[in-house]
Amino acid sequence: MKNEENNSGGYVDSSGGRQRPLVVRVTDNDFQRNVLEKLGRLEAKMDMLMGAGQPGRMTNAENRLVILERNDIKRSVYDRLLNAVITVAISLAITMHERLGIK
């Protein structure tokens, strides 16, 4: 018996001309159920992160980050002003140490 492949993807038996499928499809309901369950969980997590009609965690995190950046800029300005005042005070103390009686 010699088997030859035909164009439809199956094998033709040379003795009877009968076709047997090359690939047997098996429906795996457990696999499909598992994939759909994981997909549902993924969708729920995405809704939680991005928010479904309301601010999600990502939006809240971005808003908090903007507030922290503003506070960091304000704090750096205050730090620079304080450093300038301290530098001027030290410079004055060094310059005036003999007149102020500091030795």
N, C-alpha and C. Protein backbone atom coordinates (compact mmCIF):
# COMPACT_ATOMS: atom_id res chain seq x y z
N MET A 1 0.83 -1.18 0.00
CA MET A 1 0.00 0.00 0.00
C MET A 1 0.87 1.24 0.00
N LYS A 2 0.60 2.09 -0.92
CA LYS A 2 1.35 3.32 -1.03
C LYS A 2 0.42 4.49 -0.77
N ASN A 3 0.86 5.41 0.08
CA ASN A 3 0.05 6.59 0.39
C ASN A 3 0.65 7.78 -0.33
N GLU A 4 -0.17 8.58 -0.94
CA GLU A 4 0.27 9.81 -1.59
C GLU A 4 -0.54 10.97 -1.01
N GLU A 5 0.12 12.13 -0.90
CA GLU A 5 -0.56 13.31 -0.36
C GLU A 5 -1.29 14.02 -1.49
N ASN A 6 -2.52 14.44 -1.22
CA ASN A 6 -3.25 15.22 -2.22
C ASN A 6 -3.29 16.68 -1.82
N ASN A 7 -3.93 17.53 -2.60
CA ASN A 7 -3.94 18.97 -2.37
C ASN A 7 -4.81 19.39 -1.19
N SER A 8 -5.71 18.56 -0.75
CA SER A 8 -6.63 18.97 0.31
C SER A 8 -6.05 18.78 1.70
N GLY A 9 -4.81 18.30 1.80
CA GLY A 9 -4.20 18.17 3.11
C GLY A 9 -4.37 16.80 3.70
N GLY A 10 -5.01 15.87 3.03
CA GLY A 10 -5.18 14.52 3.54
C GLY A 10 -4.36 13.55 2.72
N TYR A 11 -4.42 12.32 3.06
CA TYR A 11 -3.72 11.28 2.31
C TYR A 11 -4.71 10.46 1.52
N VAL A 12 -4.32 10.06 0.33
CA VAL A 12 -5.15 9.20 -0.50
C VAL A 12 -4.55 7.81 -0.45
N ASP A 13 -5.35 6.86 -0.08
CA ASP A 13 -4.91 5.47 -0.05
C ASP A 13 -4.98 4.94 -1.48
N SER A 14 -3.84 4.49 -2.00
CA SER A 14 -3.79 4.09 -3.41
C SER A 14 -4.64 2.86 -3.70
N SER A 15 -4.96 2.08 -2.66
CA SER A 15 -5.76 0.89 -2.93
C SER A 15 -7.25 1.18 -3.01
N GLY A 16 -7.76 2.08 -2.22
CA GLY A 16 -9.20 2.30 -2.21
C GLY A 16 -9.61 3.71 -2.57
N GLY A 17 -8.71 4.63 -2.67
CA GLY A 17 -9.06 5.99 -2.98
C GLY A 17 -9.72 6.71 -1.81
N ARG A 18 -9.70 6.14 -0.66
CA ARG A 18 -10.31 6.70 0.54
C ARG A 18 -9.37 7.73 1.17
N GLN A 19 -9.91 8.82 1.66
CA GLN A 19 -9.08 9.86 2.30
C GLN A 19 -9.13 9.72 3.81
N ARG A 20 -7.95 9.84 4.39
CA ARG A 20 -7.86 9.92 5.85
C ARG A 20 -7.30 11.31 6.17
N PRO A 21 -7.85 11.97 7.16
CA PRO A 21 -7.37 13.32 7.45
C PRO A 21 -5.94 13.29 7.98
N LEU A 22 -5.17 14.31 7.57
CA LEU A 22 -3.80 14.43 8.03
C LEU A 22 -3.76 14.86 9.50
N VAL A 23 -4.62 15.78 9.88
CA VAL A 23 -4.68 16.27 11.25
C VAL A 23 -6.07 15.99 11.78
N VAL A 24 -6.10 15.40 12.95
CA VAL A 24 -7.38 15.12 13.59
C VAL A 24 -7.64 16.24 14.59
N ARG A 25 -8.75 16.93 14.43
CA ARG A 25 -9.09 18.01 15.35
C ARG A 25 -9.77 17.44 16.58
N VAL A 26 -9.24 17.83 17.72
CA VAL A 26 -9.81 17.41 18.99
C VAL A 26 -10.23 18.67 19.72
N THR A 27 -11.46 18.75 20.07
CA THR A 27 -11.92 19.92 20.82
C THR A 27 -11.61 19.69 22.28
N ASP A 28 -10.92 20.65 22.81
CA ASP A 28 -10.51 20.56 24.21
C ASP A 28 -11.25 21.64 24.99
N ASN A 29 -12.37 21.26 25.57
CA ASN A 29 -13.20 22.23 26.28
C ASN A 29 -12.50 22.78 27.52
N ASP A 30 -11.69 21.93 28.18
CA ASP A 30 -10.97 22.41 29.36
C ASP A 30 -9.98 23.51 28.98
N PHE A 31 -9.28 23.30 27.88
CA PHE A 31 -8.32 24.32 27.42
C PHE A 31 -9.04 25.61 27.06
N GLN A 32 -10.12 25.51 26.32
CA GLN A 32 -10.87 26.71 25.94
C GLN A 32 -11.41 27.43 27.16
N ARG A 33 -11.92 26.68 28.10
CA ARG A 33 -12.46 27.28 29.33
C ARG A 33 -11.34 27.98 30.10
N ASN A 34 -10.17 27.35 30.16
CA ASN A 34 -9.03 27.92 30.87
C ASN A 34 -8.58 29.23 30.19
N VAL A 35 -8.51 29.23 28.88
CA VAL A 35 -8.09 30.43 28.14
C VAL A 35 -9.11 31.56 28.34
N LEU A 36 -10.38 31.24 28.26
CA LEU A 36 -11.41 32.27 28.45
C LEU A 36 -11.40 32.81 29.88
N GLU A 37 -11.13 31.95 30.85
CA GLU A 37 -11.05 32.40 32.24
C GLU A 37 -9.88 33.34 32.44
N LYS A 38 -8.73 32.99 31.87
CA LYS A 38 -7.56 33.86 31.98
C LYS A 38 -7.78 35.18 31.25
N LEU A 39 -8.44 35.12 30.11
CA LEU A 39 -8.75 36.33 29.37
C LEU A 39 -9.68 37.24 30.17
N GLY A 40 -10.64 36.65 30.85
CA GLY A 40 -11.54 37.43 31.70
C GLY A 40 -10.80 38.10 32.84
N ARG A 41 -9.86 37.35 33.46
CA ARG A 41 -9.06 37.94 34.54
C ARG A 41 -8.18 39.07 34.03
N LEU A 42 -7.61 38.87 32.84
CA LEU A 42 -6.77 39.92 32.24
C LEU A 42 -7.59 41.18 31.97
N GLU A 43 -8.79 41.00 31.45
CA GLU A 43 -9.66 42.14 31.18
C GLU A 43 -10.02 42.88 32.47
N ALA A 44 -10.29 42.12 33.53
CA ALA A 44 -10.61 42.75 34.82
C ALA A 44 -9.43 43.54 35.36
N LYS A 45 -8.22 42.99 35.21
CA LYS A 45 -7.03 43.70 35.69
C LYS A 45 -6.78 44.96 34.87
N MET A 46 -7.00 44.89 33.56
CA MET A 46 -6.82 46.07 32.72
C MET A 46 -7.84 47.16 33.09
N ASP A 47 -9.08 46.75 33.35
CA ASP A 47 -10.09 47.72 33.77
C ASP A 47 -9.70 48.36 35.09
N MET A 48 -9.12 47.56 36.01
CA MET A 48 -8.72 48.08 37.30
C MET A 48 -7.56 49.07 37.13
N LEU A 49 -6.62 48.75 36.23
CA LEU A 49 -5.48 49.64 36.03
C LEU A 49 -5.86 50.92 35.30
N MET A 50 -6.58 50.78 34.22
CA MET A 50 -6.89 51.94 33.38
C MET A 50 -8.19 52.64 33.77
N GLY A 51 -9.07 51.93 34.42
CA GLY A 51 -10.33 52.53 34.84
C GLY A 51 -11.38 52.38 33.76
N ALA A 52 -12.53 51.90 34.16
CA ALA A 52 -13.62 51.72 33.21
C ALA A 52 -14.66 52.81 33.51
N GLY A 53 -14.51 53.96 32.91
CA GLY A 53 -15.45 55.05 33.12
C GLY A 53 -15.13 55.90 34.34
N GLN A 54 -14.14 55.50 35.10
CA GLN A 54 -13.70 56.27 36.26
C GLN A 54 -12.19 56.16 36.36
N PRO A 55 -11.56 57.02 37.14
CA PRO A 55 -10.09 56.98 37.20
C PRO A 55 -9.60 55.62 37.71
N GLY A 56 -8.68 55.05 36.98
CA GLY A 56 -8.06 53.79 37.38
C GLY A 56 -6.79 54.06 38.16
N ARG A 57 -6.09 53.00 38.49
CA ARG A 57 -4.86 53.16 39.26
C ARG A 57 -3.80 53.94 38.50
N MET A 58 -3.72 53.74 37.19
CA MET A 58 -2.71 54.46 36.41
C MET A 58 -2.99 55.96 36.41
N THR A 59 -4.24 56.34 36.27
CA THR A 59 -4.59 57.76 36.28
C THR A 59 -4.28 58.37 37.64
N ASN A 60 -4.62 57.65 38.71
CA ASN A 60 -4.32 58.14 40.05
C ASN A 60 -2.81 58.25 40.27
N ALA A 61 -2.05 57.27 39.79
CA ALA A 61 -0.60 57.31 39.94
C ALA A 61 -0.01 58.49 39.15
N GLU A 62 -0.50 58.73 37.96
CA GLU A 62 -0.02 59.86 37.16
C GLU A 62 -0.32 61.18 37.85
N ASN A 63 -1.51 61.31 38.43
CA ASN A 63 -1.87 62.55 39.14
C ASN A 63 -0.97 62.76 40.34
N ARG A 64 -0.71 61.69 41.09
CA ARG A 64 0.18 61.81 42.25
C ARG A 64 1.59 62.19 41.82
N LEU A 65 2.04 61.65 40.69
CA LEU A 65 3.38 61.96 40.19
C LEU A 65 3.48 63.44 39.81
N VAL A 66 2.45 63.99 39.21
CA VAL A 66 2.44 65.42 38.85
C VAL A 66 2.52 66.28 40.11
N ILE A 67 1.77 65.90 41.13
CA ILE A 67 1.80 66.66 42.39
C ILE A 67 3.18 66.59 43.02
N LEU A 68 3.80 65.40 43.02
CA LEU A 68 5.14 65.26 43.59
C LEU A 68 6.17 66.07 42.82
N GLU A 69 6.04 66.12 41.50
CA GLU A 69 6.97 66.92 40.70
C GLU A 69 6.84 68.40 41.04
N ARG A 70 5.59 68.89 41.20
CA ARG A 70 5.38 70.30 41.58
C ARG A 70 6.01 70.58 42.94
N ASN A 71 5.79 69.67 43.91
CA ASN A 71 6.37 69.87 45.24
C ASN A 71 7.89 69.83 45.19
N ASP A 72 8.44 68.97 44.34
CA ASP A 72 9.90 68.88 44.22
C ASP A 72 10.47 70.17 43.66
N ILE A 73 9.79 70.78 42.69
CA ILE A 73 10.25 72.04 42.12
C ILE A 73 10.20 73.15 43.16
N LYS A 74 9.09 73.21 43.92
CA LYS A 74 8.97 74.22 44.98
C LYS A 74 10.05 74.03 46.03
N ARG A 75 10.28 72.77 46.41
CA ARG A 75 11.27 72.49 47.45
C ARG A 75 12.67 72.86 46.95
N SER A 76 12.97 72.61 45.68
CA SER A 76 14.30 72.95 45.18
C SER A 76 14.50 74.46 45.16
N VAL A 77 13.44 75.22 44.86
CA VAL A 77 13.54 76.68 44.90
C VAL A 77 13.80 77.14 46.33
N TYR A 78 13.06 76.61 47.29
CA TYR A 78 13.27 76.98 48.69
C TYR A 78 14.65 76.57 49.17
N ASP A 79 15.12 75.41 48.74
CA ASP A 79 16.47 74.97 49.12
C ASP A 79 17.53 75.91 48.56
N ARG A 80 17.36 76.35 47.33
CA ARG A 80 18.33 77.27 46.74
C ARG A 80 18.34 78.61 47.45
N LEU A 81 17.14 79.10 47.80
CA LEU A 81 17.08 80.37 48.54
C LEU A 81 17.74 80.24 49.91
N LEU A 82 17.48 79.15 50.60
CA LEU A 82 18.09 78.93 51.92
C LEU A 82 19.61 78.80 51.81
N ASN A 83 20.07 78.08 50.78
CA ASN A 83 21.52 77.96 50.59
C ASN A 83 22.15 79.31 50.29
N ALA A 84 21.45 80.15 49.51
CA ALA A 84 21.98 81.49 49.22
C ALA A 84 22.07 82.33 50.49
N VAL A 85 21.05 82.27 51.34
CA VAL A 85 21.06 83.03 52.59
C VAL A 85 22.20 82.55 53.49
N ILE A 86 22.37 81.25 53.60
CA ILE A 86 23.45 80.71 54.44
C ILE A 86 24.81 81.12 53.88
N THR A 87 24.97 81.08 52.56
CA THR A 87 26.24 81.46 51.93
C THR A 87 26.55 82.93 52.18
N VAL A 88 25.55 83.77 52.04
CA VAL A 88 25.75 85.20 52.29
C VAL A 88 26.10 85.43 53.76
N ALA A 89 25.43 84.74 54.67
CA ALA A 89 25.71 84.91 56.10
C ALA A 89 27.14 84.47 56.43
N ILE A 90 27.58 83.36 55.87
CA ILE A 90 28.95 82.90 56.13
C ILE A 90 29.97 83.86 55.51
N SER A 91 29.69 84.33 54.30
CA SER A 91 30.59 85.29 53.66
C SER A 91 30.70 86.57 54.47
N LEU A 92 29.56 87.06 54.96
CA LEU A 92 29.59 88.27 55.81
C LEU A 92 30.37 88.02 57.10
N ALA A 93 30.18 86.86 57.70
CA ALA A 93 30.89 86.54 58.94
C ALA A 93 32.39 86.48 58.69
N ILE A 94 32.82 85.90 57.58
CA ILE A 94 34.25 85.82 57.27
C ILE A 94 34.81 87.23 57.00
N THR A 95 34.05 88.01 56.25
CA THR A 95 34.51 89.35 55.90
C THR A 95 34.55 90.27 57.12
N MET A 96 33.56 90.17 57.98
CA MET A 96 33.44 91.09 59.10
C MET A 96 33.96 90.50 60.42
N HIS A 97 34.70 89.41 60.39
CA HIS A 97 35.05 88.75 61.65
C HIS A 97 35.94 89.62 62.54
N GLU A 98 36.80 90.47 61.97
CA GLU A 98 37.62 91.32 62.80
C GLU A 98 36.81 92.47 63.38
N ARG A 99 35.87 93.01 62.63
CA ARG A 99 35.09 94.14 63.13
C ARG A 99 34.07 93.68 64.17
N LEU A 100 33.62 92.41 64.05
CA LEU A 100 32.65 91.91 65.01
C LEU A 100 33.31 91.33 66.27
N GLY A 101 34.63 91.23 66.24
CA GLY A 101 35.35 90.72 67.40
C GLY A 101 35.38 89.20 67.44
N ILE A 102 35.14 88.57 66.31
CA ILE A 102 35.21 87.10 66.26
C ILE A 102 36.61 86.72 65.77
N LYS A 103 37.28 85.88 66.57
CA LYS A 103 38.62 85.46 66.18
C LYS A 103 38.67 84.00 65.91
